[in-house]
């Protein structure tokens, strides 16, 4: 059976893990859609929608989504 001190230590450790995950979520990468047409894509990790068109073919994308979008071949990092 765990005592109160051990439970508190576990909570503090969980909180520090959560904070580092939140910081990773805040990073973004500039991506450009390589095609001349308009497209709206959904980020596979975050579920965010990104719209690219003739006037906005480059924008900041969450880094967690960017890897999969680049892998598709339709996007490149700028």
C-alpha atoms as a PDB file:
ATOM      1  CA  UNK A   1       0.000   0.000   0.000  1.00  0.00           C
ATOM      2  CA  UNK A   2       1.411   3.405  -1.002  1.00  0.00           C
ATOM      3  CA  UNK A   3       1.666   6.266   1.449  1.00  0.00           C
ATOM      4  CA  UNK A   4       0.597   9.877   0.757  1.00  0.00           C
ATOM      5  CA  UNK A   5       4.145  10.988   0.011  1.00  0.00           C
ATOM      6  CA  UNK A   6       4.554   8.444  -2.772  1.00  0.00           C
ATOM      7  CA  UNK A   7       1.243   9.481  -4.333  1.00  0.00           C
ATOM      8  CA  UNK A   8       2.253  13.155  -4.250  1.00  0.00           C
ATOM      9  CA  UNK A   9       5.590  12.331  -5.889  1.00  0.00           C
ATOM     10  CA  UNK A  10       3.759  10.457  -8.659  1.00  0.00           C
ATOM     11  CA  UNK A  11       1.479  13.465  -9.257  1.00  0.00           C
ATOM     12  CA  UNK A  12       4.444  15.841  -9.523  1.00  0.00           C
ATOM     13  CA  UNK A  13       6.127  13.502 -12.017  1.00  0.00           C
ATOM     14  CA  UNK A  14       2.924  13.258 -14.110  1.00  0.00           C
ATOM     15  CA  UNK A  15       2.607  17.057 -14.132  1.00  0.00           C
ATOM     16  CA  UNK A  16       6.153  17.530 -15.481  1.00  0.00           C
ATOM     17  CA  UNK A  17       5.446  15.037 -18.279  1.00  0.00           C
ATOM     18  CA  UNK A  18       2.267  16.928 -19.171  1.00  0.00           C
ATOM     19  CA  UNK A  19       4.133  20.260 -19.323  1.00  0.00           C
ATOM     20  CA  UNK A  20       6.771  18.943 -21.734  1.00  0.00           C
ATOM     21  CA  UNK A  21       4.025  17.465 -23.946  1.00  0.00           C
ATOM     22  CA  UNK A  22       2.247  20.830 -24.029  1.00  0.00           C
ATOM     23  CA  UNK A  23       5.445  22.569 -25.116  1.00  0.00           C
ATOM     24  CA  UNK A  24       5.950  20.099 -27.973  1.00  0.00           C
ATOM     25  CA  UNK A  25       2.381  20.786 -29.098  1.00  0.00           C
ATOM     26  CA  UNK A  26       3.171  24.497 -29.475  1.00  0.00           C
ATOM     27  CA  UNK A  27       5.867  24.086 -32.136  1.00  0.00           C
ATOM     28  CA  UNK A  28       5.032  24.742 -35.756  1.00  0.00           C
ATOM     29  CA  UNK A  29       6.691  24.529 -39.162  1.00  0.00           C
ATOM     30  CA  UNK A  30       6.205  26.592 -42.315  1.00  0.00           C
ATOM     31  CA  UNK A  31       4.826  24.403 -45.103  1.00  0.00           C
ATOM     32  CA  UNK A  32       4.063  25.177 -48.731  1.00  0.00           C
ATOM     33  CA  UNK A  33       1.518  23.303 -50.869  1.00  0.00           C
ATOM     34  CA  UNK A  34       3.266  22.413 -54.144  1.00  0.00           C
ATOM     35  CA  UNK A  35       0.154  22.373 -56.359  1.00  0.00           C
ATOM     36  CA  UNK A  36      -1.512  25.459 -57.920  1.00  0.00           C
ATOM     37  CA  UNK A  37      -5.019  24.398 -56.828  1.00  0.00           C
ATOM     38  CA  UNK A  38      -6.752  25.101 -53.527  1.00  0.00           C
ATOM     39  CA  UNK A  39      -6.912  22.373 -50.914  1.00  0.00           C
ATOM     40  CA  UNK A  40      -8.071  21.927 -47.326  1.00  0.00           C
ATOM     41  CA  UNK A  41      -6.377  19.179 -45.347  1.00  0.00           C
ATOM     42  CA  UNK A  42      -6.955  17.844 -41.866  1.00  0.00           C
ATOM     43  CA  UNK A  43      -3.877  17.315 -39.716  1.00  0.00           C
ATOM     44  CA  UNK A  44      -3.593  13.599 -38.985  1.00  0.00           C
ATOM     45  CA  UNK A  45      -2.388  14.126 -35.409  1.00  0.00           C
ATOM     46  CA  UNK A  46      -4.125  17.290 -34.186  1.00  0.00           C
ATOM     47  CA  UNK A  47      -7.243  17.190 -36.354  1.00  0.00           C
ATOM     48  CA  UNK A  48      -6.727  20.861 -37.251  1.00  0.00           C
ATOM     49  CA  UNK A  49      -7.832  22.001 -40.708  1.00  0.00           C
ATOM     50  CA  UNK A  50      -5.311  23.806 -42.915  1.00  0.00           C
ATOM     51  CA  UNK A  51      -6.408  25.605 -46.070  1.00  0.00           C
ATOM     52  CA  UNK A  52      -3.949  26.330 -48.868  1.00  0.00           C
ATOM     53  CA  UNK A  53      -4.804  28.248 -52.060  1.00  0.00           C
ATOM     54  CA  UNK A  54      -3.217  30.555 -54.635  1.00  0.00           C
ATOM     55  CA  UNK A  55      -2.927  33.488 -52.237  1.00  0.00           C
ATOM     56  CA  UNK A  56      -2.028  31.421 -49.168  1.00  0.00           C
ATOM     57  CA  UNK A  57      -0.028  28.447 -50.396  1.00  0.00           C
ATOM     58  CA  UNK A  58       2.365  28.595 -47.395  1.00  0.00           C
ATOM     59  CA  UNK A  59       1.507  28.696 -43.710  1.00  0.00           C
ATOM     60  CA  UNK A  60       2.494  27.546 -40.232  1.00  0.00           C
ATOM     61  CA  UNK A  61       1.455  23.966 -39.474  1.00  0.00           C
ATOM     62  CA  UNK A  62       1.704  22.120 -36.174  1.00  0.00           C
ATOM     63  CA  UNK A  63       4.956  20.135 -36.226  1.00  0.00           C
ATOM     64  CA  UNK A  64       3.095  16.957 -35.276  1.00  0.00           C
ATOM     65  CA  UNK A  65       1.006  17.234 -38.469  1.00  0.00           C
ATOM     66  CA  UNK A  66       3.818  18.503 -40.704  1.00  0.00           C
ATOM     67  CA  UNK A  67       5.759  15.237 -40.877  1.00  0.00           C
ATOM     68  CA  UNK A  68       2.831  13.318 -42.377  1.00  0.00           C
ATOM     69  CA  UNK A  69       1.943  16.149 -44.774  1.00  0.00           C
ATOM     70  CA  UNK A  70       5.524  16.356 -46.083  1.00  0.00           C
ATOM     71  CA  UNK A  71       5.605  12.579 -46.467  1.00  0.00           C
ATOM     72  CA  UNK A  72       2.562  12.791 -48.796  1.00  0.00           C
ATOM     73  CA  UNK A  73       4.741  14.568 -51.385  1.00  0.00           C
ATOM     74  CA  UNK A  74       2.319  17.491 -51.820  1.00  0.00           C
ATOM     75  CA  UNK A  75       3.976  19.741 -49.226  1.00  0.00           C
ATOM     76  CA  UNK A  76       7.479  20.992 -48.548  1.00  0.00           C
ATOM     77  CA  UNK A  77       9.057  22.822 -45.654  1.00  0.00           C
ATOM     78  CA  UNK A  78       9.962  26.450 -46.369  1.00  0.00           C
END
